[in-house]
Amino acid sequence: MKISTMWKAVVAGAAAGAAALATAMQDGTVTAGEGVTVVLAVLGALGITWVVPNRQVAGARE
């Protein structure tokens, strides 16, 4: 199965954002600092995942 770089990055960003938001919501409210952390987690995951290529399997058909 071939997964495009775009969808791999979108899923990584959503997972990072959900994890950061779940942590920020532990006390029932999101402060400005926690909001910035959520945004940076999403952007960081998107950027890093976009840059790292998928592993190429030797002899695999596309």
PDB file of N, CA and C in Angstrom:
ATOM      1  N   MET A   1       0.842  -1.168   0.000  1.00  0.00           N
ATOM      2  CA  MET A   1       0.000   0.000   0.000  1.00  0.00           C
ATOM      3  C   MET A   1       0.892   1.237   0.000  1.00  0.00           C
ATOM      4  N   LYS A   2       0.538   2.199  -0.823  1.00  0.00           N
ATOM      5  CA  LYS A   2       1.316   3.433  -0.893  1.00  0.00           C
ATOM      6  C   LYS A   2       0.513   4.558  -0.247  1.00  0.00           C
ATOM      7  N   ILE A   3       1.092   5.166   0.769  1.00  0.00           N
ATOM      8  CA  ILE A   3       0.453   6.278   1.464  1.00  0.00           C
ATOM      9  C   ILE A   3       1.169   7.553   1.047  1.00  0.00           C
ATOM     10  N   SER A   4       0.398   8.528   0.597  1.00  0.00           N
ATOM     11  CA  SER A   4       1.026   9.765   0.145  1.00  0.00           C
ATOM     12  C   SER A   4       1.612  10.530   1.330  1.00  0.00           C
ATOM     13  N   THR A   5       2.579  11.357   1.023  1.00  0.00           N
ATOM     14  CA  THR A   5       3.232  12.163   2.049  1.00  0.00           C
ATOM     15  C   THR A   5       2.240  13.108   2.713  1.00  0.00           C
ATOM     16  N   MET A   6       1.292  13.623   1.933  1.00  0.00           N
ATOM     17  CA  MET A   6       0.330  14.567   2.475  1.00  0.00           C
ATOM     18  C   MET A   6      -0.532  13.906   3.552  1.00  0.00           C
ATOM     19  N   TRP A   7      -1.097  12.758   3.278  1.00  0.00           N
ATOM     20  CA  TRP A   7      -1.987  12.114   4.238  1.00  0.00           C
ATOM     21  C   TRP A   7      -1.231  11.600   5.450  1.00  0.00           C
ATOM     22  N   LYS A   8      -0.006  11.183   5.239  1.00  0.00           N
ATOM     23  CA  LYS A   8       0.826  10.766   6.374  1.00  0.00           C
ATOM     24  C   LYS A   8       1.037  11.940   7.313  1.00  0.00           C
ATOM     25  N   ALA A   9       1.284  13.117   6.768  1.00  0.00           N
ATOM     26  CA  ALA A   9       1.504  14.315   7.575  1.00  0.00           C
ATOM     27  C   ALA A   9       0.219  14.767   8.267  1.00  0.00           C
ATOM     28  N   VAL A  10      -0.917  14.682   7.570  1.00  0.00           N
ATOM     29  CA  VAL A  10      -2.198  15.089   8.155  1.00  0.00           C
ATOM     30  C   VAL A  10      -2.539  14.216   9.360  1.00  0.00           C
ATOM     31  N   VAL A  11      -2.355  12.911   9.218  1.00  0.00           N
ATOM     32  CA  VAL A  11      -2.646  11.993  10.327  1.00  0.00           C
ATOM     33  C   VAL A  11      -1.706  12.259  11.505  1.00  0.00           C
ATOM     34  N   ALA A  12      -0.439  12.490  11.224  1.00  0.00           N
ATOM     35  CA  ALA A  12       0.518  12.778  12.296  1.00  0.00           C
ATOM     36  C   ALA A  12       0.166  14.080  13.013  1.00  0.00           C
ATOM     37  N   GLY A  13      -0.217  15.097  12.255  1.00  0.00           N
ATOM     38  CA  GLY A  13      -0.605  16.366  12.857  1.00  0.00           C
ATOM     39  C   GLY A  13      -1.854  16.235  13.714  1.00  0.00           C
ATOM     40  N   ALA A  14      -2.831  15.482  13.224  1.00  0.00           N
ATOM     41  CA  ALA A  14      -4.066  15.276  13.993  1.00  0.00           C
ATOM     42  C   ALA A  14      -3.787  14.504  15.282  1.00  0.00           C
ATOM     43  N   ALA A  15      -2.939  13.491  15.204  1.00  0.00           N
ATOM     44  CA  ALA A  15      -2.617  12.705  16.393  1.00  0.00           C
ATOM     45  C   ALA A  15      -1.862  13.552  17.422  1.00  0.00           C
ATOM     46  N   ALA A  16      -0.905  14.331  16.966  1.00  0.00           N
ATOM     47  CA  ALA A  16      -0.148  15.185  17.889  1.00  0.00           C
ATOM     48  C   ALA A  16      -1.046  16.257  18.503  1.00  0.00           C
ATOM     49  N   GLY A  17      -1.905  16.851  17.698  1.00  0.00           N
ATOM     50  CA  GLY A  17      -2.819  17.865  18.207  1.00  0.00           C
ATOM     51  C   GLY A  17      -3.804  17.302  19.214  1.00  0.00           C
ATOM     52  N   ALA A  18      -4.330  16.104  18.926  1.00  0.00           N
ATOM     53  CA  ALA A  18      -5.271  15.470  19.851  1.00  0.00           C
ATOM     54  C   ALA A  18      -4.601  15.134  21.177  1.00  0.00           C
ATOM     55  N   ALA A  19      -3.382  14.639  21.111  1.00  0.00           N
ATOM     56  CA  ALA A  19      -2.664  14.305  22.346  1.00  0.00           C
ATOM     57  C   ALA A  19      -2.359  15.558  23.170  1.00  0.00           C
ATOM     58  N   ALA A  20      -1.924  16.617  22.507  1.00  0.00           N
ATOM     59  CA  ALA A  20      -1.621  17.858  23.227  1.00  0.00           C
ATOM     60  C   ALA A  20      -2.894  18.491  23.785  1.00  0.00           C
ATOM     61  N   LEU A  21      -3.986  18.433  23.026  1.00  0.00           N
ATOM     62  CA  LEU A  21      -5.242  19.004  23.497  1.00  0.00           C
ATOM     63  C   LEU A  21      -5.810  18.208  24.667  1.00  0.00           C
ATOM     64  N   ALA A  22      -5.693  16.891  24.613  1.00  0.00           N
ATOM     65  CA  ALA A  22      -6.172  16.058  25.725  1.00  0.00           C
ATOM     66  C   ALA A  22      -5.406  16.384  27.004  1.00  0.00           C
ATOM     67  N   THR A  23      -4.118  16.599  26.876  1.00  0.00           N
ATOM     68  CA  THR A  23      -3.317  16.973  28.039  1.00  0.00           C
ATOM     69  C   THR A  23      -3.698  18.362  28.543  1.00  0.00           C
ATOM     70  N   ALA A  24      -3.932  19.292  27.615  1.00  0.00           N
ATOM     71  CA  ALA A  24      -4.293  20.651  28.007  1.00  0.00           C
ATOM     72  C   ALA A  24      -5.668  20.708  28.667  1.00  0.00           C
ATOM     73  N   MET A  25      -6.569  19.804  28.320  1.00  0.00           N
ATOM     74  CA  MET A  25      -7.936  19.820  28.856  1.00  0.00           C
ATOM     75  C   MET A  25      -8.078  19.102  30.194  1.00  0.00           C
ATOM     76  N   GLN A  26      -6.999  18.659  30.796  1.00  0.00           N
ATOM     77  CA  GLN A  26      -7.073  17.935  32.058  1.00  0.00           C
ATOM     78  C   GLN A  26      -7.737  18.748  33.163  1.00  0.00           C
ATOM     79  N   ASP A  27      -7.547  20.063  33.169  1.00  0.00           N
ATOM     80  CA  ASP A  27      -8.151  20.887  34.207  1.00  0.00           C
ATOM     81  C   ASP A  27      -9.449  21.550  33.743  1.00  0.00           C
ATOM     82  N   GLY A  28      -9.928  21.212  32.558  1.00  0.00           N
ATOM     83  CA  GLY A  28     -11.207  21.722  32.071  1.00  0.00           C
ATOM     84  C   GLY A  28     -11.136  23.019  31.296  1.00  0.00           C
ATOM     85  N   THR A  29      -9.966  23.577  31.139  1.00  0.00           N
ATOM     86  CA  THR A  29      -9.815  24.820  30.394  1.00  0.00           C
ATOM     87  C   THR A  29      -8.475  24.820  29.657  1.00  0.00           C
ATOM     88  N   VAL A  30      -8.411  25.600  28.597  1.00  0.00           N
ATOM     89  CA  VAL A  30      -7.168  25.711  27.820  1.00  0.00           C
ATOM     90  C   VAL A  30      -6.667  27.143  27.934  1.00  0.00           C
ATOM     91  N   THR A  31      -5.489  27.317  28.513  1.00  0.00           N
ATOM     92  CA  THR A  31      -4.892  28.641  28.633  1.00  0.00           C
ATOM     93  C   THR A  31      -4.203  29.008  27.325  1.00  0.00           C
ATOM     94  N   ALA A  32      -3.765  30.239  27.223  1.00  0.00           N
ATOM     95  CA  ALA A  32      -3.084  30.689  26.008  1.00  0.00           C
ATOM     96  C   ALA A  32      -1.803  29.890  25.773  1.00  0.00           C
ATOM     97  N   GLY A  33      -1.067  29.624  26.825  1.00  0.00           N
ATOM     98  CA  GLY A  33       0.165  28.845  26.689  1.00  0.00           C
ATOM     99  C   GLY A  33      -0.104  27.429  26.217  1.00  0.00           C
ATOM    100  N   GLU A  34      -1.168  26.835  26.736  1.00  0.00           N
ATOM    101  CA  GLU A  34      -1.522  25.480  26.299  1.00  0.00           C
ATOM    102  C   GLU A  34      -1.994  25.479  24.844  1.00  0.00           C
ATOM    103  N   GLY A  35      -2.698  26.538  24.450  1.00  0.00           N
ATOM    104  CA  GLY A  35      -3.138  26.656  23.057  1.00  0.00           C
ATOM    105  C   GLY A  35      -1.957  26.759  22.109  1.00  0.00           C
ATOM    106  N   VAL A  36      -0.965  27.537  22.511  1.00  0.00           N
ATOM    107  CA  VAL A  36       0.249  27.652  21.700  1.00  0.00           C
ATOM    108  C   VAL A  36       0.951  26.297  21.595  1.00  0.00           C
ATOM    109  N   THR A  37       0.968  25.555  22.692  1.00  0.00           N
ATOM    110  CA  THR A  37       1.590  24.227  22.683  1.00  0.00           C
ATOM    111  C   THR A  37       0.873  23.289  21.721  1.00  0.00           C
ATOM    112  N   VAL A  38      -0.457  23.335  21.701  1.00  0.00           N
ATOM    113  CA  VAL A  38      -1.236  22.494  20.783  1.00  0.00           C
ATOM    114  C   VAL A  38      -0.912  22.859  19.333  1.00  0.00           C
ATOM    115  N   VAL A  39      -0.899  24.145  19.037  1.00  0.00           N
ATOM    116  CA  VAL A  39      -0.601  24.596  17.668  1.00  0.00           C
ATOM    117  C   VAL A  39       0.809  24.193  17.255  1.00  0.00           C
ATOM    118  N   LEU A  40       1.780  24.367  18.144  1.00  0.00           N
ATOM    119  CA  LEU A  40       3.161  23.978  17.817  1.00  0.00           C
ATOM    120  C   LEU A  40       3.302  22.475  17.646  1.00  0.00           C
ATOM    121  N   ALA A  41       2.553  21.693  18.411  1.00  0.00           N
ATOM    122  CA  ALA A  41       2.598  20.238  18.261  1.00  0.00           C
ATOM    123  C   ALA A  41       2.073  19.835  16.887  1.00  0.00           C
ATOM    124  N   VAL A  42       0.963  20.447  16.465  1.00  0.00           N
ATOM    125  CA  VAL A  42       0.398  20.134  15.147  1.00  0.00           C
ATOM    126  C   VAL A  42       1.361  20.541  14.040  1.00  0.00           C
ATOM    127  N   LEU A  43       1.862  21.758  14.094  1.00  0.00           N
ATOM    128  CA  LEU A  43       2.772  22.242  13.049  1.00  0.00           C
ATOM    129  C   LEU A  43       4.081  21.453  13.022  1.00  0.00           C
ATOM    130  N   GLY A  44       4.599  21.123  14.196  1.00  0.00           N
ATOM    131  CA  GLY A  44       5.827  20.332  14.257  1.00  0.00           C
ATOM    132  C   GLY A  44       5.639  18.946  13.660  1.00  0.00           C
ATOM    133  N   ALA A  45       4.540  18.287  14.004  1.00  0.00           N
ATOM    134  CA  ALA A  45       4.284  16.954  13.458  1.00  0.00           C
ATOM    135  C   ALA A  45       4.068  17.011  11.950  1.00  0.00           C
ATOM    136  N   LEU A  46       3.336  18.024  11.488  1.00  0.00           N
ATOM    137  CA  LEU A  46       3.133  18.172  10.037  1.00  0.00           C
ATOM    138  C   LEU A  46       4.458  18.358   9.313  1.00  0.00           C
ATOM    139  N   GLY A  47       5.268  19.267   9.811  1.00  0.00           N
ATOM    140  CA  GLY A  47       6.536  19.580   9.152  1.00  0.00           C
ATOM    141  C   GLY A  47       7.513  18.427   9.158  1.00  0.00           C
ATOM    142  N   ILE A  48       7.695  17.817  10.307  1.00  0.00           N
ATOM    143  CA  ILE A  48       8.655  16.715  10.407  1.00  0.00           C
ATOM    144  C   ILE A  48       8.208  15.520   9.577  1.00  0.00           C
ATOM    145  N   THR A  49       6.915  15.193   9.638  1.00  0.00           N
ATOM    146  CA  THR A  49       6.423  14.050   8.886  1.00  0.00           C
ATOM    147  C   THR A  49       6.478  14.311   7.390  1.00  0.00           C
ATOM    148  N   TRP A  50       6.252  15.539   6.975  1.00  0.00           N
ATOM    149  CA  TRP A  50       6.308  15.878   5.550  1.00  0.00           C
ATOM    150  C   TRP A  50       7.725  15.703   5.011  1.00  0.00           C
ATOM    151  N   VAL A  51       8.730  16.049   5.809  1.00  0.00           N
ATOM    152  CA  VAL A  51      10.124  16.022   5.355  1.00  0.00           C
ATOM    153  C   VAL A  51      10.685  14.602   5.310  1.00  0.00           C
ATOM    154  N   VAL A  52      10.312  13.750   6.244  1.00  0.00           N
ATOM    155  CA  VAL A  52      10.875  12.403   6.324  1.00  0.00           C
ATOM    156  C   VAL A  52      10.208  11.520   5.269  1.00  0.00           C
ATOM    157  N   PRO A  53      10.988  10.926   4.366  1.00  0.00           N
ATOM    158  CA  PRO A  53      10.391  10.098   3.308  1.00  0.00           C
ATOM    159  C   PRO A  53       9.925   8.747   3.850  1.00  0.00           C
ATOM    160  N   ASN A  54       8.981   8.152   3.127  1.00  0.00           N
ATOM    161  CA  ASN A  54       8.544   6.795   3.458  1.00  0.00           C
ATOM    162  C   ASN A  54       9.697   5.836   3.188  1.00  0.00           C
ATOM    163  N   ARG A  55       9.756   4.759   3.969  1.00  0.00           N
ATOM    164  CA  ARG A  55      10.801   3.762   3.775  1.00  0.00           C
ATOM    165  C   ARG A  55      10.522   3.012   2.478  1.00  0.00           C
ATOM    166  N   GLN A  56      11.564   2.845   1.671  1.00  0.00           N
ATOM    167  CA  GLN A  56      11.429   2.121   0.413  1.00  0.00           C
ATOM    168  C   GLN A  56      11.734   0.643   0.639  1.00  0.00           C
ATOM    169  N   VAL A  57      10.801  -0.228   0.297  1.00  0.00           N
ATOM    170  CA  VAL A  57      10.999  -1.667   0.459  1.00  0.00           C
ATOM    171  C   VAL A  57      11.642  -2.191  -0.818  1.00  0.00           C
ATOM    172  N   ALA A  58      12.739  -2.920  -0.660  1.00  0.00           N
ATOM    173  CA  ALA A  58      13.459  -3.446  -1.827  1.00  0.00           C
ATOM    174  C   ALA A  58      12.605  -4.478  -2.552  1.00  0.00           C
ATOM    175  N   GLY A  59      12.468  -4.293  -3.844  1.00  0.00           N
ATOM    176  CA  GLY A  59      11.735  -5.247  -4.664  1.00  0.00           C
ATOM    177  C   GLY A  59      10.221  -5.116  -4.598  1.00  0.00           C
ATOM    178  N   ALA A  60       9.717  -4.080  -3.994  1.00  0.00           N
ATOM    179  CA  ALA A  60       8.255  -3.896  -3.886  1.00  0.00           C
ATOM    180  C   ALA A  60       7.713  -3.278  -5.154  1.00  0.00           C
ATOM    181  N   ARG A  61       6.531  -3.705  -5.534  1.00  0.00           N
ATOM    182  CA  ARG A  61       5.863  -3.123  -6.703  1.00  0.00           C
ATOM    183  C   ARG A  61       5.014  -1.952  -6.256  1.00  0.00           C
ATOM    184  N   GLU A  62       4.841  -1.004  -7.183  1.00  0.00           N
ATOM    185  CA  GLU A  62       3.973   0.128  -6.867  1.00  0.00           C
ATOM    186  C   GLU A  62       2.681  -0.013  -7.589  1.00  0.00           C
TER     187      GLU A  62
END
